Amino acid sequence: MRELLMVYLGGVILLLMLCTTIDSEEKIGFDHIVIAAFGWPIFTSILALKALSSR
């Protein structure tokens, strides 16, 4: 469980660091980055369950 939490927090930190490199002209707001940072584990688990159930 600890490894999963470390991967999750690493992904969140990586996406938030990416947020600082995005120019304001690209029309990507901070709220989109936060949603992506905290929502990717939910989205990937849903995709994994769909892939396993389609077998």
PDB file of N, CA and C in Angstrom:
ATOM      1  N   MET A   1       0.814  -1.192   0.000  1.00  0.00           N
ATOM      2  CA  MET A   1       0.000   0.000   0.000  1.00  0.00           C
ATOM      3  C   MET A   1       0.862   1.262   0.000  1.00  0.00           C
ATOM      4  N   ARG A   2       2.004   1.175   0.675  1.00  0.00           N
ATOM      5  CA  ARG A   2       2.891   2.326   0.757  1.00  0.00           C
ATOM      6  C   ARG A   2       3.458   2.681  -0.611  1.00  0.00           C
ATOM      7  N   GLU A   3       3.758   1.657  -1.415  1.00  0.00           N
ATOM      8  CA  GLU A   3       4.295   1.905  -2.753  1.00  0.00           C
ATOM      9  C   GLU A   3       3.269   2.591  -3.643  1.00  0.00           C
ATOM     10  N   LEU A   4       2.024   2.177  -3.526  1.00  0.00           N
ATOM     11  CA  LEU A   4       0.955   2.789  -4.304  1.00  0.00           C
ATOM     12  C   LEU A   4       0.787   4.256  -3.946  1.00  0.00           C
ATOM     13  N   LEU A   5       0.853   4.566  -2.686  1.00  0.00           N
ATOM     14  CA  LEU A   5       0.758   5.951  -2.242  1.00  0.00           C
ATOM     15  C   LEU A   5       1.939   6.770  -2.748  1.00  0.00           C
ATOM     16  N   MET A   6       3.118   6.185  -2.746  1.00  0.00           N
ATOM     17  CA  MET A   6       4.304   6.885  -3.253  1.00  0.00           C
ATOM     18  C   MET A   6       4.179   7.169  -4.743  1.00  0.00           C
ATOM     19  N   VAL A   7       3.662   6.219  -5.508  1.00  0.00           N
ATOM     20  CA  VAL A   7       3.465   6.431  -6.947  1.00  0.00           C
ATOM     21  C   VAL A   7       2.429   7.515  -7.172  1.00  0.00           C
ATOM     22  N   TYR A   8       1.355   7.484  -6.407  1.00  0.00           N
ATOM     23  CA  TYR A   8       0.300   8.484  -6.535  1.00  0.00           C
ATOM     24  C   TYR A   8       0.836   9.880  -6.236  1.00  0.00           C
ATOM     25  N   LEU A   9       1.530  10.029  -5.123  1.00  0.00           N
ATOM     26  CA  LEU A   9       2.060  11.335  -4.765  1.00  0.00           C
ATOM     27  C   LEU A   9       3.127  11.800  -5.751  1.00  0.00           C
ATOM     28  N   GLY A  10       3.906  10.862  -6.282  1.00  0.00           N
ATOM     29  CA  GLY A  10       4.886  11.218  -7.305  1.00  0.00           C
ATOM     30  C   GLY A  10       4.209  11.746  -8.559  1.00  0.00           C
ATOM     31  N   GLY A  11       3.109  11.123  -8.958  1.00  0.00           N
ATOM     32  CA  GLY A  11       2.354  11.596 -10.113  1.00  0.00           C
ATOM     33  C   GLY A  11       1.746  12.956  -9.884  1.00  0.00           C
ATOM     34  N   VAL A  12       1.229  13.185  -8.689  1.00  0.00           N
ATOM     35  CA  VAL A  12       0.649  14.488  -8.359  1.00  0.00           C
ATOM     36  C   VAL A  12       1.720  15.572  -8.401  1.00  0.00           C
ATOM     37  N   ILE A  13       2.865  15.290  -7.807  1.00  0.00           N
ATOM     38  CA  ILE A  13       3.948  16.271  -7.798  1.00  0.00           C
ATOM     39  C   ILE A  13       4.441  16.540  -9.203  1.00  0.00           C
ATOM     40  N   LEU A  14       4.564  15.500 -10.016  1.00  0.00           N
ATOM     41  CA  LEU A  14       5.011  15.674 -11.395  1.00  0.00           C
ATOM     42  C   LEU A  14       4.039  16.538 -12.192  1.00  0.00           C
ATOM     43  N   LEU A  15       2.749  16.291 -12.067  1.00  0.00           N
ATOM     44  CA  LEU A  15       1.772  17.099 -12.795  1.00  0.00           C
ATOM     45  C   LEU A  15       1.714  18.530 -12.291  1.00  0.00           C
ATOM     46  N   LEU A  16       1.894  18.737 -11.003  1.00  0.00           N
ATOM     47  CA  LEU A  16       1.908  20.102 -10.489  1.00  0.00           C
ATOM     48  C   LEU A  16       3.177  20.839 -10.913  1.00  0.00           C
ATOM     49  N   MET A  17       4.290  20.130 -11.039  1.00  0.00           N
ATOM     50  CA  MET A  17       5.503  20.747 -11.574  1.00  0.00           C
ATOM     51  C   MET A  17       5.318  21.097 -13.042  1.00  0.00           C
ATOM     52  N   LEU A  18       4.606  20.269 -13.774  1.00  0.00           N
ATOM     53  CA  LEU A  18       4.311  20.548 -15.175  1.00  0.00           C
ATOM     54  C   LEU A  18       3.461  21.807 -15.299  1.00  0.00           C
ATOM     55  N   CYS A  19       2.630  22.041 -14.345  1.00  0.00           N
ATOM     56  CA  CYS A  19       1.757  23.217 -14.354  1.00  0.00           C
ATOM     57  C   CYS A  19       2.569  24.501 -14.384  1.00  0.00           C
ATOM     58  N   THR A  20       3.716  24.507 -13.770  1.00  0.00           N
ATOM     59  CA  THR A  20       4.515  25.728 -13.733  1.00  0.00           C
ATOM     60  C   THR A  20       5.181  26.016 -15.071  1.00  0.00           C
ATOM     61  N   THR A  21       5.276  25.023 -15.956  1.00  0.00           N
ATOM     62  CA  THR A  21       5.935  25.237 -17.241  1.00  0.00           C
ATOM     63  C   THR A  21       4.956  25.611 -18.349  1.00  0.00           C
ATOM     64  N   ILE A  22       3.668  25.549 -18.084  1.00  0.00           N
ATOM     65  CA  ILE A  22       2.662  25.856 -19.103  1.00  0.00           C
ATOM     66  C   ILE A  22       2.473  27.364 -19.182  1.00  0.00           C
ATOM     67  N   ASP A  23       2.539  27.896 -20.383  1.00  0.00           N
ATOM     68  CA  ASP A  23       2.332  29.330 -20.590  1.00  0.00           C
ATOM     69  C   ASP A  23       0.862  29.685 -20.411  1.00  0.00           C
ATOM     70  N   SER A  24       0.609  30.920 -20.090  1.00  0.00           N
ATOM     71  CA  SER A  24      -0.770  31.354 -19.910  1.00  0.00           C
ATOM     72  C   SER A  24      -1.511  31.467 -21.240  1.00  0.00           C
ATOM     73  N   GLU A  25      -0.784  31.486 -22.348  1.00  0.00           N
ATOM     74  CA  GLU A  25      -1.421  31.595 -23.659  1.00  0.00           C
ATOM     75  C   GLU A  25      -2.072  30.296 -24.107  1.00  0.00           C
ATOM     76  N   GLU A  26      -1.773  29.193 -23.444  1.00  0.00           N
ATOM     77  CA  GLU A  26      -2.279  27.894 -23.879  1.00  0.00           C
ATOM     78  C   GLU A  26      -3.686  27.597 -23.383  1.00  0.00           C
ATOM     79  N   LYS A  27      -4.251  28.474 -22.613  1.00  0.00           N
ATOM     80  CA  LYS A  27      -5.631  28.357 -22.123  1.00  0.00           C
ATOM     81  C   LYS A  27      -5.870  27.109 -21.272  1.00  0.00           C
ATOM     82  N   ILE A  28      -4.841  26.666 -20.563  1.00  0.00           N
ATOM     83  CA  ILE A  28      -4.991  25.551 -19.623  1.00  0.00           C
ATOM     84  C   ILE A  28      -4.913  26.136 -18.229  1.00  0.00           C
ATOM     85  N   GLY A  29      -6.012  26.065 -17.513  1.00  0.00           N
ATOM     86  CA  GLY A  29      -6.057  26.657 -16.186  1.00  0.00           C
ATOM     87  C   GLY A  29      -5.496  25.735 -15.122  1.00  0.00           C
ATOM     88  N   PHE A  30      -5.237  26.323 -13.967  1.00  0.00           N
ATOM     89  CA  PHE A  30      -4.716  25.550 -12.845  1.00  0.00           C
ATOM     90  C   PHE A  30      -5.716  24.509 -12.379  1.00  0.00           C
ATOM     91  N   ASP A  31      -7.011  24.790 -12.521  1.00  0.00           N
ATOM     92  CA  ASP A  31      -8.026  23.829 -12.096  1.00  0.00           C
ATOM     93  C   ASP A  31      -7.973  22.555 -12.936  1.00  0.00           C
ATOM     94  N   HIS A  32      -7.666  22.686 -14.228  1.00  0.00           N
ATOM     95  CA  HIS A  32      -7.524  21.500 -15.070  1.00  0.00           C
ATOM     96  C   HIS A  32      -6.331  20.646 -14.634  1.00  0.00           C
ATOM     97  N   ILE A  33      -5.254  21.296 -14.266  1.00  0.00           N
ATOM     98  CA  ILE A  33      -4.066  20.566 -13.820  1.00  0.00           C
ATOM     99  C   ILE A  33      -4.343  19.857 -12.495  1.00  0.00           C
ATOM    100  N   VAL A  34      -5.038  20.511 -11.591  1.00  0.00           N
ATOM    101  CA  VAL A  34      -5.350  19.891 -10.294  1.00  0.00           C
ATOM    102  C   VAL A  34      -6.279  18.696 -10.477  1.00  0.00           C
ATOM    103  N   ILE A  35      -7.265  18.836 -11.356  1.00  0.00           N
ATOM    104  CA  ILE A  35      -8.163  17.712 -11.635  1.00  0.00           C
ATOM    105  C   ILE A  35      -7.386  16.543 -12.220  1.00  0.00           C
ATOM    106  N   ALA A  36      -6.475  16.836 -13.133  1.00  0.00           N
ATOM    107  CA  ALA A  36      -5.658  15.773 -13.719  1.00  0.00           C
ATOM    108  C   ALA A  36      -4.728  15.149 -12.683  1.00  0.00           C
ATOM    109  N   ALA A  37      -4.163  15.966 -11.821  1.00  0.00           N
ATOM    110  CA  ALA A  37      -3.216  15.462 -10.828  1.00  0.00           C
ATOM    111  C   ALA A  37      -3.882  14.537  -9.817  1.00  0.00           C
ATOM    112  N   PHE A  38      -5.067  14.888  -9.374  1.00  0.00           N
ATOM    113  CA  PHE A  38      -5.716  14.078  -8.356  1.00  0.00           C
ATOM    114  C   PHE A  38      -6.693  13.058  -8.931  1.00  0.00           C
ATOM    115  N   GLY A  39      -7.022  13.154 -10.212  1.00  0.00           N
ATOM    116  CA  GLY A  39      -7.990  12.250 -10.796  1.00  0.00           C
ATOM    117  C   GLY A  39      -7.414  11.094 -11.589  1.00  0.00           C
ATOM    118  N   TRP A  40      -6.096  11.105 -11.878  1.00  0.00           N
ATOM    119  CA  TRP A  40      -5.554  10.050 -12.728  1.00  0.00           C
ATOM    120  C   TRP A  40      -5.638   8.665 -12.102  1.00  0.00           C
ATOM    121  N   PRO A  41      -5.531   8.470 -10.792  1.00  0.00           N
ATOM    122  CA  PRO A  41      -5.667   7.093 -10.268  1.00  0.00           C
ATOM    123  C   PRO A  41      -7.073   6.541 -10.464  1.00  0.00           C
ATOM    124  N   ILE A  42      -8.074   7.391 -10.343  1.00  0.00           N
ATOM    125  CA  ILE A  42      -9.450   6.945 -10.530  1.00  0.00           C
ATOM    126  C   ILE A  42      -9.686   6.572 -11.986  1.00  0.00           C
ATOM    127  N   PHE A  43      -9.214   7.422 -12.897  1.00  0.00           N
ATOM    128  CA  PHE A  43      -9.406   7.187 -14.319  1.00  0.00           C
ATOM    129  C   PHE A  43      -8.681   5.920 -14.776  1.00  0.00           C
ATOM    130  N   THR A  44      -7.449   5.718 -14.328  1.00  0.00           N
ATOM    131  CA  THR A  44      -6.709   4.529 -14.753  1.00  0.00           C
ATOM    132  C   THR A  44      -7.295   3.254 -14.163  1.00  0.00           C
ATOM    133  N   SER A  45      -7.828   3.328 -12.949  1.00  0.00           N
ATOM    134  CA  SER A  45      -8.440   2.122 -12.380  1.00  0.00           C
ATOM    135  C   SER A  45      -9.725   1.762 -13.125  1.00  0.00           C
ATOM    136  N   ILE A  46     -10.484   2.765 -13.565  1.00  0.00           N
ATOM    137  CA  ILE A  46     -11.684   2.500 -14.352  1.00  0.00           C
ATOM    138  C   ILE A  46     -11.303   1.864 -15.682  1.00  0.00           C
ATOM    139  N   LEU A  47     -10.264   2.383 -16.322  1.00  0.00           N
ATOM    140  CA  LEU A  47      -9.819   1.799 -17.585  1.00  0.00           C
ATOM    141  C   LEU A  47      -9.318   0.360 -17.397  1.00  0.00           C
ATOM    142  N   ALA A  48      -8.626   0.108 -16.304  1.00  0.00           N
ATOM    143  CA  ALA A  48      -8.135  -1.238 -16.045  1.00  0.00           C
ATOM    144  C   ALA A  48      -9.294  -2.204 -15.802  1.00  0.00           C
ATOM    145  N   LEU A  49     -10.299  -1.779 -15.072  1.00  0.00           N
ATOM    146  CA  LEU A  49     -11.450  -2.646 -14.831  1.00  0.00           C
ATOM    147  C   LEU A  49     -12.212  -2.932 -16.115  1.00  0.00           C
ATOM    148  N   LYS A  50     -12.337  -1.935 -16.986  1.00  0.00           N
ATOM    149  CA  LYS A  50     -12.988  -2.166 -18.272  1.00  0.00           C
ATOM    150  C   LYS A  50     -12.196  -3.131 -19.132  1.00  0.00           C
ATOM    151  N   ALA A  51     -10.888  -3.016 -19.114  1.00  0.00           N
ATOM    152  CA  ALA A  51     -10.041  -3.912 -19.904  1.00  0.00           C
ATOM    153  C   ALA A  51     -10.138  -5.348 -19.375  1.00  0.00           C
ATOM    154  N   LEU A  52     -10.165  -5.511 -18.064  1.00  0.00           N
ATOM    155  CA  LEU A  52     -10.263  -6.851 -17.493  1.00  0.00           C
ATOM    156  C   LEU A  52     -11.636  -7.463 -17.705  1.00  0.00           C
ATOM    157  N   SER A  53     -12.676  -6.643 -17.662  1.00  0.00           N
ATOM    158  CA  SER A  53     -14.017  -7.196 -17.824  1.00  0.00           C
ATOM    159  C   SER A  53     -14.331  -7.524 -19.301  1.00  0.00           C
ATOM    160  N   SER A  54     -13.610  -6.934 -20.219  1.00  0.00           N
ATOM    161  CA  SER A  54     -13.858  -7.215 -21.642  1.00  0.00           C
ATOM    162  C   SER A  54     -13.168  -8.484 -22.100  1.00  0.00           C
ATOM    163  N   ARG A  55     -12.359  -9.103 -21.270  1.00  0.00           N
ATOM    164  CA  ARG A  55     -11.656 -10.335 -21.641  1.00  0.00           C
ATOM    165  C   ARG A  55     -12.563 -11.505 -21.630  1.00  0.00           C
TER     166      ARG A  55
END
